[in-house]
Amino acid sequence: MNIDIYQSACCGDKYLSVKSGTDIENLKLPNDFDEDLLILSPFKSTLKLDINKPRVSLDQCDVITQINEKGFATHGATLKIKIKK
């Protein structure tokens, strides 16, 4: 599955993913949809998901399941690196 990923414009660790080419302005969103994801910036387009090739900070199985069930996936991505002195 190829997806487009959008990043929240107000909360940089929240993302919305859809099948590539989906018009996000016409998504049917639930009433309790996260308001942080109502203003978005494009993040990555036409990303090919392959569950046999793990990706840092992206649970591909979860994203695929959500998109198949709802037409979109919401997810976070935080990567922290601690450097010792």
N, C-alpha and C. Protein backbone atom coordinates (compact mmCIF):
# COMPACT_ATOMS: atom_id res chain seq x y z
N MET A 1 0.85 -1.18 0.00
CA MET A 1 0.00 0.00 0.00
C MET A 1 0.89 1.24 0.00
N ASN A 2 0.58 2.20 -0.85
CA ASN A 2 1.26 3.49 -0.85
C ASN A 2 0.42 4.48 -0.07
N ILE A 3 1.08 5.24 0.78
CA ILE A 3 0.35 6.21 1.61
C ILE A 3 0.97 7.60 1.47
N ASP A 4 0.15 8.59 1.81
CA ASP A 4 0.61 9.96 1.99
C ASP A 4 0.50 10.25 3.48
N ILE A 5 1.51 10.89 4.04
CA ILE A 5 1.52 11.22 5.46
C ILE A 5 1.48 12.73 5.63
N TYR A 6 0.60 13.17 6.52
CA TYR A 6 0.48 14.59 6.85
C TYR A 6 0.81 14.77 8.32
N GLN A 7 1.48 15.88 8.64
CA GLN A 7 1.88 16.17 10.01
C GLN A 7 1.01 17.29 10.56
N SER A 8 0.63 17.16 11.82
CA SER A 8 -0.12 18.22 12.48
C SER A 8 0.69 19.50 12.47
N ALA A 9 0.04 20.61 12.10
CA ALA A 9 0.73 21.89 12.05
C ALA A 9 0.95 22.46 13.46
N CYS A 10 0.22 21.94 14.45
CA CYS A 10 0.36 22.49 15.80
C CYS A 10 1.00 21.51 16.78
N CYS A 11 1.10 20.25 16.40
CA CYS A 11 1.68 19.25 17.30
C CYS A 11 2.53 18.31 16.45
N GLY A 12 3.80 18.58 16.39
CA GLY A 12 4.71 17.92 15.47
C GLY A 12 4.88 16.43 15.61
N ASP A 13 4.35 15.80 16.67
CA ASP A 13 4.50 14.35 16.78
C ASP A 13 3.18 13.61 16.52
N LYS A 14 2.23 14.30 15.86
CA LYS A 14 0.96 13.66 15.48
C LYS A 14 0.84 13.68 13.96
N TYR A 15 0.38 12.53 13.42
CA TYR A 15 0.32 12.37 11.97
C TYR A 15 -1.01 11.76 11.53
N LEU A 16 -1.39 12.07 10.31
CA LEU A 16 -2.55 11.48 9.65
C LEU A 16 -2.04 10.86 8.35
N SER A 17 -2.36 9.59 8.14
CA SER A 17 -1.95 8.90 6.92
C SER A 17 -3.18 8.41 6.17
N VAL A 18 -3.10 8.47 4.85
CA VAL A 18 -4.18 8.01 3.97
C VAL A 18 -3.56 7.31 2.77
N LYS A 19 -4.37 6.54 2.02
CA LYS A 19 -3.89 5.97 0.77
C LYS A 19 -3.46 7.10 -0.14
N SER A 20 -2.37 6.90 -0.85
CA SER A 20 -1.86 7.93 -1.76
C SER A 20 -2.96 8.40 -2.70
N GLY A 21 -3.02 9.71 -2.88
CA GLY A 21 -3.99 10.30 -3.79
C GLY A 21 -5.32 10.64 -3.16
N THR A 22 -5.52 10.29 -1.89
CA THR A 22 -6.77 10.59 -1.20
C THR A 22 -6.90 12.09 -0.98
N ASP A 23 -8.08 12.64 -1.25
CA ASP A 23 -8.36 14.05 -0.99
C ASP A 23 -8.73 14.18 0.49
N ILE A 24 -7.80 14.65 1.30
CA ILE A 24 -8.04 14.68 2.75
C ILE A 24 -9.14 15.67 3.15
N GLU A 25 -9.44 16.62 2.29
CA GLU A 25 -10.51 17.57 2.61
C GLU A 25 -11.88 16.92 2.58
N ASN A 26 -11.99 15.74 2.00
CA ASN A 26 -13.27 15.05 1.90
C ASN A 26 -13.35 13.81 2.79
N LEU A 27 -12.43 13.66 3.74
CA LEU A 27 -12.50 12.53 4.67
C LEU A 27 -13.70 12.67 5.58
N LYS A 28 -14.32 11.55 5.88
CA LYS A 28 -15.41 11.54 6.86
C LYS A 28 -14.79 11.26 8.21
N LEU A 29 -14.79 12.27 9.07
CA LEU A 29 -14.13 12.17 10.37
C LEU A 29 -15.15 12.01 11.48
N PRO A 30 -14.83 11.24 12.51
CA PRO A 30 -15.75 11.08 13.65
C PRO A 30 -15.81 12.38 14.47
N ASN A 31 -16.86 12.50 15.25
CA ASN A 31 -17.04 13.70 16.08
C ASN A 31 -15.93 13.89 17.09
N ASP A 32 -15.34 12.78 17.56
CA ASP A 32 -14.29 12.88 18.57
C ASP A 32 -12.88 12.91 17.96
N PHE A 33 -12.78 13.29 16.69
CA PHE A 33 -11.49 13.33 16.00
C PHE A 33 -10.57 14.34 16.67
N ASP A 34 -9.30 14.00 16.77
CA ASP A 34 -8.28 14.83 17.42
C ASP A 34 -8.16 16.18 16.69
N GLU A 35 -8.50 17.26 17.38
CA GLU A 35 -8.48 18.60 16.78
C GLU A 35 -7.07 19.02 16.36
N ASP A 36 -6.04 18.44 16.95
CA ASP A 36 -4.67 18.75 16.54
C ASP A 36 -4.40 18.31 15.11
N LEU A 37 -5.25 17.42 14.58
CA LEU A 37 -5.04 16.90 13.23
C LEU A 37 -5.97 17.54 12.20
N LEU A 38 -6.57 18.67 12.55
CA LEU A 38 -7.45 19.36 11.61
C LEU A 38 -6.69 20.37 10.75
N ILE A 39 -5.50 20.75 11.16
CA ILE A 39 -4.64 21.64 10.37
C ILE A 39 -3.35 20.87 10.13
N LEU A 40 -3.08 20.58 8.85
CA LEU A 40 -2.00 19.67 8.50
C LEU A 40 -1.02 20.28 7.51
N SER A 41 0.17 19.72 7.51
CA SER A 41 1.19 20.03 6.51
C SER A 41 1.60 18.73 5.86
N PRO A 42 1.83 18.72 4.54
CA PRO A 42 2.32 17.50 3.91
C PRO A 42 3.66 17.10 4.54
N PHE A 43 3.83 15.81 4.78
CA PHE A 43 5.06 15.31 5.39
C PHE A 43 5.81 14.38 4.44
N LYS A 44 5.12 13.39 3.92
CA LYS A 44 5.74 12.42 3.03
C LYS A 44 4.66 11.94 2.06
N SER A 45 5.00 11.87 0.78
CA SER A 45 4.00 11.38 -0.17
C SER A 45 4.49 10.12 -0.87
N THR A 46 3.53 9.30 -1.20
CA THR A 46 3.74 8.03 -1.89
C THR A 46 4.79 7.16 -1.20
N LEU A 47 4.62 7.00 0.10
CA LEU A 47 5.48 6.10 0.87
C LEU A 47 4.94 4.69 0.74
N LYS A 48 5.77 3.77 0.27
CA LYS A 48 5.33 2.38 0.10
C LYS A 48 5.50 1.63 1.42
N LEU A 49 4.39 1.14 1.95
CA LEU A 49 4.45 0.33 3.16
C LEU A 49 4.78 -1.10 2.79
N ASP A 50 5.65 -1.71 3.57
CA ASP A 50 6.03 -3.11 3.38
C ASP A 50 6.30 -3.68 4.77
N ILE A 51 5.37 -4.51 5.26
CA ILE A 51 5.52 -5.01 6.63
C ILE A 51 6.74 -5.90 6.80
N ASN A 52 7.36 -6.31 5.70
CA ASN A 52 8.59 -7.10 5.79
C ASN A 52 9.83 -6.23 5.94
N LYS A 53 9.66 -4.92 5.85
CA LYS A 53 10.77 -3.98 6.01
C LYS A 53 10.38 -2.97 7.09
N PRO A 54 10.78 -3.22 8.33
CA PRO A 54 10.41 -2.32 9.42
C PRO A 54 10.85 -0.87 9.17
N ARG A 55 10.05 0.06 9.69
CA ARG A 55 10.36 1.49 9.60
C ARG A 55 10.44 2.07 11.00
N VAL A 56 11.39 2.93 11.20
CA VAL A 56 11.55 3.59 12.49
C VAL A 56 10.33 4.49 12.72
N SER A 57 9.73 4.39 13.89
CA SER A 57 8.62 5.24 14.34
C SER A 57 7.33 5.08 13.54
N LEU A 58 7.15 3.98 12.83
CA LEU A 58 5.91 3.77 12.08
C LEU A 58 5.49 2.31 12.19
N ASP A 59 4.36 2.09 12.86
CA ASP A 59 3.79 0.74 12.97
C ASP A 59 2.96 0.50 11.71
N GLN A 60 3.59 -0.09 10.71
CA GLN A 60 2.95 -0.25 9.42
C GLN A 60 1.68 -1.09 9.48
N CYS A 61 1.68 -2.15 10.27
CA CYS A 61 0.49 -3.00 10.40
C CYS A 61 -0.69 -2.20 10.95
N ASP A 62 -0.44 -1.38 11.95
CA ASP A 62 -1.49 -0.56 12.54
C ASP A 62 -2.02 0.47 11.53
N VAL A 63 -1.12 1.11 10.81
CA VAL A 63 -1.53 2.11 9.82
C VAL A 63 -2.37 1.46 8.73
N ILE A 64 -1.95 0.30 8.22
CA ILE A 64 -2.71 -0.40 7.18
C ILE A 64 -4.09 -0.79 7.70
N THR A 65 -4.15 -1.33 8.91
CA THR A 65 -5.43 -1.73 9.50
C THR A 65 -6.37 -0.54 9.64
N GLN A 66 -5.86 0.57 10.18
CA GLN A 66 -6.71 1.76 10.35
C GLN A 66 -7.22 2.29 9.01
N ILE A 67 -6.34 2.35 8.02
CA ILE A 67 -6.76 2.86 6.70
C ILE A 67 -7.82 1.95 6.10
N ASN A 68 -7.65 0.64 6.21
CA ASN A 68 -8.65 -0.29 5.68
C ASN A 68 -9.98 -0.18 6.39
N GLU A 69 -9.96 0.11 7.70
CA GLU A 69 -11.19 0.20 8.48
C GLU A 69 -11.87 1.56 8.39
N LYS A 70 -11.07 2.64 8.41
CA LYS A 70 -11.64 3.99 8.51
C LYS A 70 -11.37 4.89 7.31
N GLY A 71 -10.43 4.50 6.47
CA GLY A 71 -10.05 5.36 5.36
C GLY A 71 -8.90 6.30 5.69
N PHE A 72 -8.46 6.27 6.94
CA PHE A 72 -7.33 7.08 7.39
C PHE A 72 -6.72 6.43 8.62
N ALA A 73 -5.52 6.86 8.96
CA ALA A 73 -4.86 6.38 10.18
C ALA A 73 -4.29 7.57 10.93
N THR A 74 -4.46 7.57 12.23
CA THR A 74 -3.81 8.57 13.07
C THR A 74 -2.73 7.86 13.87
N HIS A 75 -1.60 8.52 13.99
CA HIS A 75 -0.50 7.90 14.71
C HIS A 75 0.49 8.96 15.16
N GLY A 76 1.34 8.56 16.05
CA GLY A 76 2.40 9.43 16.54
C GLY A 76 3.74 8.93 16.06
N ALA A 77 4.73 9.76 16.27
CA ALA A 77 6.09 9.37 15.94
C ALA A 77 7.04 10.24 16.74
N THR A 78 7.65 9.64 17.71
CA THR A 78 8.63 10.36 18.52
C THR A 78 9.88 9.51 18.60
N LEU A 79 10.97 10.10 18.29
CA LEU A 79 12.24 9.40 18.35
C LEU A 79 13.17 10.25 19.21
N LYS A 80 13.62 9.66 20.31
CA LYS A 80 14.50 10.39 21.23
C LYS A 80 15.85 9.71 21.28
N ILE A 81 16.88 10.51 21.27
CA ILE A 81 18.24 10.01 21.37
C ILE A 81 18.89 10.69 22.56
N LYS A 82 19.41 9.90 23.46
CA LYS A 82 20.07 10.46 24.64
C LYS A 82 21.58 10.30 24.48
N ILE A 83 22.27 11.39 24.63
CA ILE A 83 23.73 11.37 24.52
C ILE A 83 24.32 11.54 25.90
N LYS A 84 25.24 10.66 26.26
CA LYS A 84 25.88 10.73 27.56
C LYS A 84 27.14 11.59 27.48
N LYS A 85 27.42 12.27 28.57
CA LYS A 85 28.63 13.10 28.65
C LYS A 85 29.82 12.24 28.97
